[in-house]
Amino acid sequence: MDNTPATHPKTSHHRYARFLEWRRLHVTDSGFILLLALVVGILSGVCAWLLKYLISLITSWASKGVSITGIDWLIIAAPVAGVTLAALFSRYVLREKVDNGVARMVSDLKDHNYKLSTKTIYGSMIASALTLGFGGTAGSEGPIAYAGAGIGSKFGQIFHVKPRMLMILIGCGAAAGIAGIFKAPIGGALFAIEVLRVELSTVAIMGVFLATLAASLVAYTLSGCTLDIDVISPGAFDNSTMLWAVLLGVVCGIYALYYTHTGELTKRLLDTTQKPWIQWITSGLAIGVMIYLFPALYGEGYGTITDVINGDTSLIGLNDIFTHIHDMPWTVVATCAGILLLKGIGSSATNNGGGVAGDFAPTLFAGCILGLLYATALDSWGIAHLNAAHYALIGMAGSMAGIIRAPLMSIFLTTEMVGGVEFLLPAAIVALISYSMVMIFKRDTFYHSRPFTSSGLGT
């Protein structure tokens, strides 16, 4: 009688145990962690590219449906569908919450919970693609960071690494996810240091940078060697206007406080809803109405950012609400003001009303619009002639630094995304001033200053 099938599992287990023992005797923990960090980085880069592809695919399908029928209410209905589908998928298919990915990671690391579920890898990606593809006005970085952390945790569990090493792998995976989604290796590494606060040992830092470099290179290659924000030629920043950049930092700090307050207020209002399905529909309708009023709020907003930084504000200026304003600059100013008033509310509704998305991209988008508003208004008033595209770019760093309260990550993430290293100094000035202003009123980062509570899927 052939007993091979019956003994095969034991044989596999025996070989696995022998490999682990061989690894323990012949490969140092530090060397093995670096090897795993490379693998985690590569896989996280693939996942980042795949998530972007899924979002683009769903967005293309949803936009096509609207353009063919020409029925305006579909623009409002799309976010309702996206939030509801994401919530239903998480609640009844995954049977696990994957919303608020970065906040969950911060909470898990604080509680020393390093064994993440495999569902966090594919679940957060699918739910995020549904949320953002149908118009959720937020970002994809939270879900992909959570997916990357899940990859790091899974590899650490497979090879039975020590808890300290498992924590490092989670940080490597999360940082790689950020690096892959933004194609910004330094920004991704600083995310792990400033936001997740991984330990600052040599092995941890080397592992994080190895993972982020691998992830960004893989994502960049798979996407056809293109950046999400395709800047034709940003030109050189006019240092004679640096004083106005300093003032922009102050404006970004004030706006960051407003954005944070409205976002927290929106979350508290959604938390009062007892029935999950009411929460999903309410948040979806709110997002839909905002997009109907200001189409630039649809999705992550990288297309709008690209147009603005390349000097094209025509799409922002063409807004039905302000058609009575015949002066184009003031149409842009009025539209930008409306977008900025609603962006924090829309992002919070997306992230806390049942959808699965991230907090970083909305702050970059808001900063771009704020910089455009600032430069256009000053120019129209005859106070100063500023390059609106340049101020939109450095406004991105200022807004993110103030809202997320991670200035170094904001500075490098912004400059890496647009390939504008020459803007490092003005971006740093704006970001540090904005961050300093906010920290007068806030004690810690966006994720550490408040206890984590999930309201996304209801109870």
Foldseek 3Di string as FASTA:
>chain_A
DDCCVVCVVVVVVVVLVVVLVCCPVPPDPLRVLLVLLLVLLQVLLVLLLVLVVLLVVLLVVLVVVCVVVVDLCSLLVLLLQLLVVLLCCVCPVVVHDQFPQLLVLLVCVVVLNLQDDQCLQVSLSVLQSSNQSSFQLFAALSSSLSNQLNSLSVVCVSSVDDSLSSNLSSLLRSLSNNCSNLLFLVLSLLCSCARSNRDPDPSSSSSNSSSSPSSSVNSCVVVVNAFLQAAPDLDFFDVVCLVVLLVLLVVLLVLLVLLLVLLVVLLVVLLVDQDLSVLSNVLSSLSSVLCSQFVCSGGLNSVVLNCVLNPHCPNLLPGPVVPVPVPSLVSLLVSLVSCSNCLSNSHSSQRASRGHHDHLSSQLNNLLSSLLNSQSVCVVVVNDHGRSSLSSLLSSLSNNCNNQVSNVSSLSSSCSSHVNVSCSVSSSSSSVSSSVSNCVPAPGGNSPRDRDDHNNNHD
